């Protein structure tokens, strides 16, 4: 049996009963405080990523905030939001390899502090090239690659 494609993995994740808002309790409350946490659907995360136009950027935390507001939750789940963004990125890269032109521009979704996500398809080098082609400057700070003045290009959430 052949391994599933990224698109198939993404579609499988979409079949879960999500989004879902849960109460923050137990060990979670020590880390995230009290309130509610929304576990987003992969489609929600992907839809936000798709709306980021060329030359603009968004961070994974801003995606989480946008989803939390939509569902009237205290926070958006950092774990599932990150996983679903990663799945969307790999599915988009796979789509591009198959010749599709309209894909999720995953390289425009940065980690906290403007860091280029090294786990996205092609790693830092490929994502840096895509960002620089859209007019951004990427520099190395320690072991991380950061988009210079990324806050100037953030989309409003």
N, C-alpha and C. Protein backbone atom coordinates (compact mmCIF):
# COMPACT_ATOMS: atom_id res chain seq x y z
N UNK A 1 0.84 -1.18 0.00
CA UNK A 1 0.00 0.00 0.00
C UNK A 1 0.89 1.25 0.00
N UNK A 2 0.63 2.14 -0.91
CA UNK A 2 1.42 3.37 -1.04
C UNK A 2 1.12 4.31 0.12
N UNK A 3 2.14 5.04 0.56
CA UNK A 3 1.89 6.03 1.62
C UNK A 3 0.94 7.11 1.12
N UNK A 4 0.20 7.69 2.06
CA UNK A 4 -0.75 8.75 1.69
C UNK A 4 -0.01 10.01 1.30
N UNK A 5 -0.58 10.72 0.36
CA UNK A 5 -0.02 12.02 -0.04
C UNK A 5 -0.32 13.04 1.05
N UNK A 6 0.35 14.19 0.97
CA UNK A 6 0.08 15.26 1.92
C UNK A 6 -1.36 15.76 1.78
N UNK A 7 -1.84 15.82 0.55
CA UNK A 7 -3.22 16.25 0.33
C UNK A 7 -4.18 15.27 1.01
N UNK A 8 -3.91 13.97 0.90
CA UNK A 8 -4.76 12.97 1.55
C UNK A 8 -4.69 13.09 3.07
N UNK A 9 -3.50 13.36 3.59
CA UNK A 9 -3.35 13.55 5.05
C UNK A 9 -4.14 14.78 5.50
N UNK A 10 -4.07 15.85 4.71
CA UNK A 10 -4.81 17.07 5.03
C UNK A 10 -6.32 16.78 5.01
N UNK A 11 -6.79 16.11 3.98
CA UNK A 11 -8.22 15.79 3.87
C UNK A 11 -8.67 14.86 5.00
N UNK A 12 -7.82 13.95 5.40
CA UNK A 12 -8.15 13.06 6.53
C UNK A 12 -8.31 13.88 7.81
N UNK A 13 -7.42 14.84 8.03
CA UNK A 13 -7.51 15.70 9.21
C UNK A 13 -8.80 16.52 9.20
N UNK A 14 -9.28 16.84 8.00
CA UNK A 14 -10.51 17.63 7.87
C UNK A 14 -11.75 16.85 8.28
N UNK A 15 -11.64 15.54 8.36
CA UNK A 15 -12.79 14.71 8.70
C UNK A 15 -13.02 14.62 10.21
N UNK A 16 -12.13 15.18 10.99
CA UNK A 16 -12.29 15.16 12.44
C UNK A 16 -13.42 16.11 12.84
N UNK A 17 -13.93 15.92 14.02
CA UNK A 17 -15.03 16.74 14.52
C UNK A 17 -14.48 18.07 15.04
N UNK A 18 -14.08 18.94 14.12
CA UNK A 18 -13.48 20.21 14.48
C UNK A 18 -14.12 21.31 13.65
N UNK A 19 -14.15 22.54 14.13
CA UNK A 19 -13.53 23.04 15.35
C UNK A 19 -14.32 22.63 16.59
N UNK A 20 -13.61 22.72 17.71
CA UNK A 20 -14.22 22.37 18.99
C UNK A 20 -13.62 23.28 20.07
N UNK A 21 -14.47 23.83 20.91
CA UNK A 21 -14.02 24.68 22.01
C UNK A 21 -14.05 23.86 23.29
N UNK A 22 -12.93 23.86 24.00
CA UNK A 22 -12.82 23.10 25.25
C UNK A 22 -12.46 24.04 26.39
N UNK A 23 -12.75 23.62 27.61
CA UNK A 23 -12.37 24.39 28.79
C UNK A 23 -10.92 24.07 29.12
N UNK A 24 -10.14 25.11 29.40
CA UNK A 24 -8.75 24.92 29.79
C UNK A 24 -8.75 24.46 31.24
N UNK A 25 -8.13 23.31 31.48
CA UNK A 25 -8.10 22.78 32.85
C UNK A 25 -6.84 21.96 33.06
N UNK A 26 -6.63 21.56 34.31
CA UNK A 26 -5.51 20.69 34.65
C UNK A 26 -4.16 21.28 34.26
N UNK A 27 -3.34 20.45 33.66
CA UNK A 27 -1.99 20.87 33.26
C UNK A 27 -2.02 22.01 32.26
N UNK A 28 -3.04 22.03 31.41
CA UNK A 28 -3.15 23.10 30.42
C UNK A 28 -3.26 24.46 31.08
N UNK A 29 -3.97 24.55 32.21
CA UNK A 29 -4.18 25.86 32.85
C UNK A 29 -2.89 26.42 33.42
N UNK A 30 -1.94 25.56 33.79
CA UNK A 30 -0.65 26.06 34.29
C UNK A 30 0.11 26.78 33.19
N UNK A 31 -0.04 26.30 31.98
CA UNK A 31 0.69 26.90 30.86
C UNK A 31 -0.08 28.03 30.19
N UNK A 32 -1.40 27.89 30.03
CA UNK A 32 -2.18 28.83 29.24
C UNK A 32 -3.18 29.65 30.05
N UNK A 33 -3.26 29.43 31.33
CA UNK A 33 -4.20 30.18 32.14
C UNK A 33 -5.59 29.57 32.08
N UNK A 34 -6.57 30.34 32.50
CA UNK A 34 -7.93 29.83 32.54
C UNK A 34 -8.73 30.36 31.36
N UNK A 35 -9.83 29.69 31.08
CA UNK A 35 -10.70 30.11 29.99
C UNK A 35 -11.01 28.96 29.07
N UNK A 36 -11.10 29.27 27.78
CA UNK A 36 -11.42 28.25 26.79
C UNK A 36 -10.38 28.24 25.68
N UNK A 37 -10.28 27.10 25.03
CA UNK A 37 -9.32 26.90 23.95
C UNK A 37 -10.07 26.31 22.77
N UNK A 38 -9.90 26.92 21.60
CA UNK A 38 -10.52 26.37 20.40
C UNK A 38 -9.50 25.51 19.67
N UNK A 39 -9.90 24.30 19.35
CA UNK A 39 -9.11 23.42 18.50
C UNK A 39 -9.67 23.65 17.10
N UNK A 40 -8.89 24.31 16.23
CA UNK A 40 -9.44 24.70 14.92
C UNK A 40 -9.56 23.52 13.97
N UNK A 41 -10.26 23.74 12.90
CA UNK A 41 -10.28 22.75 11.83
C UNK A 41 -9.12 23.08 10.89
N UNK A 42 -8.59 22.08 10.20
CA UNK A 42 -7.52 22.35 9.24
C UNK A 42 -7.96 23.33 8.15
N UNK A 43 -9.22 23.26 7.77
CA UNK A 43 -9.72 24.15 6.72
C UNK A 43 -9.67 25.61 7.17
N UNK A 44 -9.98 25.88 8.45
CA UNK A 44 -9.92 27.25 8.96
C UNK A 44 -8.50 27.81 8.89
N UNK A 45 -7.54 27.00 9.32
CA UNK A 45 -6.14 27.44 9.31
C UNK A 45 -5.70 27.70 7.88
N UNK A 46 -5.99 26.77 6.99
CA UNK A 46 -5.62 26.90 5.58
C UNK A 46 -6.28 28.12 4.95
N UNK A 47 -7.54 28.37 5.27
CA UNK A 47 -8.27 29.51 4.69
C UNK A 47 -7.61 30.83 5.08
N UNK A 48 -7.17 30.95 6.32
CA UNK A 48 -6.49 32.19 6.75
C UNK A 48 -5.17 32.33 6.01
N UNK A 49 -4.42 31.24 5.91
CA UNK A 49 -3.14 31.28 5.20
C UNK A 49 -3.33 31.67 3.73
N UNK A 50 -4.40 31.20 3.12
CA UNK A 50 -4.66 31.49 1.71
C UNK A 50 -4.96 32.97 1.46
N UNK A 51 -5.48 33.67 2.46
CA UNK A 51 -5.87 35.07 2.28
C UNK A 51 -4.70 36.05 2.38
N UNK A 52 -3.51 35.58 2.72
CA UNK A 52 -2.36 36.47 2.85
C UNK A 52 -1.80 36.74 1.45
N UNK A 53 -1.91 37.97 1.03
CA UNK A 53 -1.50 38.38 -0.33
C UNK A 53 0.02 38.52 -0.44
N UNK A 54 0.50 38.53 -1.67
CA UNK A 54 1.93 38.72 -1.93
C UNK A 54 2.41 40.00 -1.27
N UNK A 55 3.57 39.94 -0.64
CA UNK A 55 4.14 41.10 0.04
C UNK A 55 3.68 41.25 1.47
N UNK A 56 2.67 40.48 1.86
CA UNK A 56 2.15 40.54 3.23
C UNK A 56 2.56 39.28 3.98
N UNK A 57 2.45 39.34 5.31
CA UNK A 57 2.85 38.22 6.17
C UNK A 57 1.84 38.04 7.30
N UNK A 58 1.89 36.88 7.91
CA UNK A 58 1.11 36.60 9.11
C UNK A 58 1.95 35.66 9.97
N UNK A 59 1.77 35.73 11.28
CA UNK A 59 2.45 34.77 12.16
C UNK A 59 1.45 33.72 12.62
N UNK A 60 1.96 32.60 13.04
CA UNK A 60 1.11 31.53 13.52
C UNK A 60 0.29 32.00 14.73
N UNK A 61 0.88 32.88 15.56
CA UNK A 61 0.12 33.39 16.71
C UNK A 61 -1.04 34.27 16.28
N UNK A 62 -0.88 35.01 15.21
CA UNK A 62 -2.00 35.83 14.71
C UNK A 62 -3.11 34.95 14.15
N UNK A 63 -2.74 33.84 13.54
CA UNK A 63 -3.75 32.88 13.08
C UNK A 63 -4.52 32.35 14.29
N UNK A 64 -3.80 32.01 15.35
CA UNK A 64 -4.44 31.50 16.57
C UNK A 64 -5.39 32.54 17.16
N UNK A 65 -4.97 33.81 17.19
CA UNK A 65 -5.81 34.87 17.75
C UNK A 65 -7.08 35.05 16.92
N UNK A 66 -6.92 35.01 15.61
CA UNK A 66 -8.07 35.19 14.72
C UNK A 66 -9.09 34.06 14.92
N UNK A 67 -8.61 32.84 15.03
CA UNK A 67 -9.49 31.69 15.24
C UNK A 67 -10.15 31.77 16.61
N UNK A 68 -9.41 32.18 17.63
CA UNK A 68 -9.98 32.31 18.98
C UNK A 68 -11.11 33.33 18.99
N UNK A 69 -10.90 34.48 18.34
CA UNK A 69 -11.95 35.49 18.28
C UNK A 69 -13.19 34.96 17.56
N UNK A 70 -12.97 34.27 16.46
CA UNK A 70 -14.09 33.73 15.68
C UNK A 70 -14.97 32.82 16.52
N UNK A 71 -14.35 32.03 17.39
CA UNK A 71 -15.10 31.05 18.19
C UNK A 71 -15.33 31.53 19.63
N UNK A 72 -15.03 32.80 19.88
CA UNK A 72 -15.22 33.39 21.20
C UNK A 72 -14.52 32.57 22.30
N UNK A 73 -13.30 32.15 22.00
CA UNK A 73 -12.50 31.38 22.95
C UNK A 73 -11.37 32.27 23.46
N UNK A 74 -10.79 31.88 24.58
CA UNK A 74 -9.69 32.64 25.15
C UNK A 74 -8.44 32.53 24.28
N UNK A 75 -8.14 31.31 23.81
CA UNK A 75 -6.97 31.09 22.96
C UNK A 75 -7.30 30.11 21.85
N UNK A 76 -6.46 30.14 20.82
CA UNK A 76 -6.48 29.12 19.78
C UNK A 76 -5.39 28.11 20.13
N UNK A 77 -5.66 26.85 19.96
CA UNK A 77 -4.71 25.81 20.34
C UNK A 77 -3.40 25.95 19.57
N UNK A 78 -2.29 26.13 20.29
CA UNK A 78 -1.01 26.30 19.61
C UNK A 78 -0.53 25.02 18.92
N UNK A 79 -0.85 23.89 19.48
CA UNK A 79 -0.36 22.63 18.91
C UNK A 79 -1.07 22.30 17.60
N UNK A 80 -2.40 22.25 17.64
CA UNK A 80 -3.13 21.86 16.43
C UNK A 80 -3.04 22.93 15.35
N UNK A 81 -3.00 24.19 15.73
CA UNK A 81 -2.87 25.25 14.72
C UNK A 81 -1.55 25.09 13.97
N UNK A 82 -0.49 24.82 14.70
CA UNK A 82 0.82 24.61 14.08
C UNK A 82 0.84 23.37 13.20
N UNK A 83 0.25 22.30 13.68
CA UNK A 83 0.21 21.06 12.89
C UNK A 83 -0.59 21.26 11.61
N UNK A 84 -1.75 21.92 11.72
CA UNK A 84 -2.58 22.11 10.54
C UNK A 84 -1.94 23.07 9.54
N UNK A 85 -1.19 24.07 10.01
CA UNK A 85 -0.46 24.95 9.10
C UNK A 85 0.63 24.16 8.38
N UNK A 86 1.30 23.28 9.09
CA UNK A 86 2.35 22.43 8.52
C UNK A 86 1.76 21.48 7.48
N UNK A 87 0.61 20.88 7.79
CA UNK A 87 -0.06 20.00 6.82
C UNK A 87 -0.48 20.79 5.56
N UNK A 88 -1.05 21.97 5.77
CA UNK A 88 -1.48 22.80 4.65
C UNK A 88 -0.29 23.19 3.77
N UNK A 89 0.84 23.48 4.41
CA UNK A 89 2.05 23.85 3.67
C UNK A 89 2.53 22.70 2.79
N UNK A 90 2.59 21.52 3.36
CA UNK A 90 3.07 20.37 2.59
C UNK A 90 2.08 19.97 1.49
N UNK A 91 0.80 20.08 1.76
CA UNK A 91 -0.20 19.78 0.73
C UNK A 91 -0.09 20.79 -0.41
N UNK A 92 0.16 22.06 -0.07
CA UNK A 92 0.31 23.10 -1.10
C UNK A 92 1.55 22.86 -1.95
N UNK A 93 2.64 22.49 -1.32
CA UNK A 93 3.87 22.22 -2.07
C UNK A 93 3.68 21.02 -2.99
N UNK A 94 2.97 20.03 -2.52
CA UNK A 94 2.65 18.86 -3.34
C UNK A 94 1.78 19.27 -4.54
N UNK A 95 0.80 20.13 -4.27
CA UNK A 95 -0.06 20.63 -5.35
C UNK A 95 0.77 21.39 -6.40
N UNK A 96 1.73 22.18 -5.94
CA UNK A 96 2.58 22.94 -6.86
C UNK A 96 3.40 22.00 -7.74
N UNK A 97 3.89 20.92 -7.15
CA UNK A 97 4.65 19.94 -7.93
C UNK A 97 3.79 19.27 -9.00
N UNK A 98 2.49 19.22 -8.76
CA UNK A 98 1.56 18.62 -9.72
C UNK A 98 1.07 19.65 -10.75
N UNK A 99 1.65 20.85 -10.68
CA UNK A 99 1.34 21.86 -11.68
C UNK A 99 0.21 22.82 -11.32
N UNK A 100 -0.34 22.70 -10.12
CA UNK A 100 -1.41 23.62 -9.73
C UNK A 100 -0.81 24.99 -9.46
N UNK A 101 -1.51 26.02 -9.90
CA UNK A 101 -1.02 27.41 -9.77
C UNK A 101 -1.53 28.10 -8.52
N UNK A 102 -2.76 27.82 -8.14
CA UNK A 102 -3.36 28.49 -6.97
C UNK A 102 -3.19 27.59 -5.75
N UNK A 103 -2.13 27.86 -5.01
CA UNK A 103 -1.84 27.07 -3.82
C UNK A 103 -1.80 27.98 -2.60
N UNK A 104 -1.85 27.40 -1.43
CA UNK A 104 -1.72 28.15 -0.19
C UNK A 104 -0.30 28.71 -0.10
N UNK A 105 -0.13 30.03 0.04
CA UNK A 105 1.20 30.63 0.12
C UNK A 105 1.79 30.49 1.53
N UNK A 106 2.14 29.28 1.87
CA UNK A 106 2.58 28.92 3.23
C UNK A 106 3.82 29.69 3.68
N UNK A 107 4.70 30.09 2.77
CA UNK A 107 5.93 30.80 3.12
C UNK A 107 5.64 32.15 3.76
N UNK A 108 4.42 32.66 3.59
CA UNK A 108 4.03 33.95 4.19
C UNK A 108 3.58 33.80 5.64
N UNK A 109 3.48 32.57 6.12
CA UNK A 109 3.13 32.32 7.52
C UNK A 109 4.41 32.07 8.29
N UNK A 110 4.71 32.99 9.21
CA UNK A 110 5.95 32.94 9.97
C UNK A 110 5.71 32.40 11.38
N UNK A 111 6.78 32.00 12.00
CA UNK A 111 6.72 31.62 13.40
C UNK A 111 6.75 32.91 14.24
N UNK A 112 6.69 32.76 15.54
CA UNK A 112 6.73 33.89 16.46
C UNK A 112 8.02 34.69 16.22
N UNK A 113 7.90 36.00 16.26
CA UNK A 113 9.06 36.86 16.10
C UNK A 113 9.55 37.02 14.68
N UNK A 114 8.74 36.58 13.71
CA UNK A 114 9.12 36.75 12.31
C UNK A 114 10.06 35.69 11.78
N UNK A 115 10.16 34.57 12.48
CA UNK A 115 11.07 33.51 12.05
C UNK A 115 10.50 32.72 10.88
N UNK A 116 11.35 32.45 9.90
CA UNK A 116 10.98 31.60 8.77
C UNK A 116 10.89 30.17 9.31
N UNK A 117 9.82 29.48 8.97
CA UNK A 117 9.59 28.14 9.51
C UNK A 117 10.46 27.12 8.78
N UNK A 118 11.45 26.53 9.48
CA UNK A 118 12.35 25.57 8.82
C UNK A 118 11.67 24.24 8.51
N UNK A 119 10.49 24.01 9.06
CA UNK A 119 9.78 22.74 8.83
C UNK A 119 8.84 22.80 7.63
N UNK A 120 8.72 23.96 7.02
CA UNK A 120 7.89 24.06 5.83
C UNK A 120 8.65 23.47 4.64
N UNK A 121 7.95 23.08 3.59
CA UNK A 121 8.58 22.43 2.44
C UNK A 121 9.77 23.24 1.90
N UNK A 122 10.86 22.54 1.65
CA UNK A 122 12.05 23.19 1.12
C UNK A 122 12.95 23.79 2.18
N UNK A 123 12.48 23.80 3.43
CA UNK A 123 13.29 24.35 4.51
C UNK A 123 13.47 25.85 4.40
N UNK A 124 14.40 26.36 5.18
CA UNK A 124 14.63 27.80 5.25
C UNK A 124 15.05 28.37 3.90
N UNK A 125 15.94 27.69 3.19
CA UNK A 125 16.46 28.24 1.92
C UNK A 125 15.35 28.49 0.90
N UNK A 126 14.50 27.50 0.70
CA UNK A 126 13.42 27.65 -0.29
C UNK A 126 12.44 28.74 0.14
N UNK A 127 12.10 28.77 1.41
CA UNK A 127 11.14 29.76 1.90
C UNK A 127 11.73 31.16 1.89
N UNK A 128 13.02 31.25 2.19
CA UNK A 128 13.70 32.54 2.12
C UNK A 128 13.67 33.08 0.68
N UNK A 129 13.93 32.23 -0.29
CA UNK A 129 13.90 32.66 -1.70
C UNK A 129 12.50 33.17 -2.08
N UNK A 130 11.48 32.45 -1.65
CA UNK A 130 10.10 32.87 -1.96
C UNK A 130 9.77 34.21 -1.31
N UNK A 131 10.19 34.39 -0.06
CA UNK A 131 9.93 35.65 0.64
C UNK A 131 10.71 36.80 0.00
N UNK A 132 11.96 36.57 -0.34
CA UNK A 132 12.77 37.62 -0.97
C UNK A 132 12.23 37.98 -2.35
N UNK A 133 11.66 37.01 -3.06
CA UNK A 133 11.06 37.30 -4.36
C UNK A 133 9.85 38.22 -4.23
N UNK A 134 9.26 38.27 -3.03
CA UNK A 134 8.12 39.15 -2.78
C UNK A 134 8.54 40.46 -2.11
N UNK A 135 9.86 40.70 -2.03
CA UNK A 135 10.35 41.97 -1.52
C UNK A 135 10.78 42.00 -0.07
N UNK A 136 10.75 40.88 0.61
CA UNK A 136 11.18 40.84 2.01
C UNK A 136 12.68 40.58 2.11
N UNK A 137 13.26 41.03 3.21
CA UNK A 137 14.66 40.76 3.50
C UNK A 137 14.72 39.76 4.64
N UNK A 138 15.50 38.72 4.45
CA UNK A 138 15.64 37.68 5.48
C UNK A 138 17.09 37.66 5.93
N UNK A 139 17.30 37.69 7.25
CA UNK A 139 18.67 37.64 7.77
C UNK A 139 18.78 36.55 8.83
N UNK A 140 19.99 36.11 9.04
CA UNK A 140 20.24 35.07 10.03
C UNK A 140 20.56 35.72 11.37
N UNK A 141 19.88 35.28 12.40
CA UNK A 141 20.15 35.74 13.77
C UNK A 141 20.36 34.50 14.62
N UNK A 142 21.60 34.22 14.92
CA UNK A 142 21.92 32.98 15.63
C UNK A 142 21.66 31.82 14.69
N UNK A 143 20.83 30.90 15.10
CA UNK A 143 20.49 29.75 14.26
C UNK A 143 19.19 29.98 13.48
N UNK A 144 18.51 31.10 13.74
CA UNK A 144 17.21 31.36 13.13
C UNK A 144 17.33 32.33 11.97
N UNK A 145 16.39 32.22 11.04
CA UNK A 145 16.28 33.17 9.93
C UNK A 145 15.02 33.99 10.16
N UNK A 146 15.21 35.30 10.20
CA UNK A 146 14.14 36.23 10.55
C UNK A 146 13.86 37.16 9.37
N UNK A 147 12.57 37.47 9.14
CA UNK A 147 12.21 38.47 8.15
C UNK A 147 12.40 39.84 8.80
N UNK A 148 13.27 40.65 8.21
CA UNK A 148 13.58 41.97 8.74
C UNK A 148 12.34 42.85 8.67
N UNK A 149 12.05 43.55 9.77
CA UNK A 149 10.89 44.45 9.84
C UNK A 149 9.59 43.77 9.42
N UNK A 150 9.43 42.52 9.80
CA UNK A 150 8.24 41.75 9.39
C UNK A 150 6.95 42.40 9.87
N UNK A 151 6.99 43.13 10.99
CA UNK A 151 5.77 43.72 11.53
C UNK A 151 5.16 44.74 10.57
N UNK A 152 5.99 45.33 9.71
CA UNK A 152 5.47 46.31 8.74
C UNK A 152 4.59 45.66 7.68
N UNK A 153 4.79 44.36 7.49
CA UNK A 153 4.06 43.65 6.42
C UNK A 153 2.94 42.76 6.93
N UNK A 154 2.70 42.80 8.24
CA UNK A 154 1.67 41.92 8.79
C UNK A 154 0.29 42.33 8.33
N UNK A 155 -0.53 41.35 8.03
CA UNK A 155 -1.93 41.61 7.70
C UNK A 155 -2.66 41.87 9.00
N UNK A 156 -3.70 42.65 8.96
CA UNK A 156 -4.47 42.91 10.18
C UNK A 156 -5.36 41.71 10.44
N UNK A 157 -5.42 41.34 11.70
CA UNK A 157 -6.23 40.17 12.08
C UNK A 157 -7.41 40.53 12.90
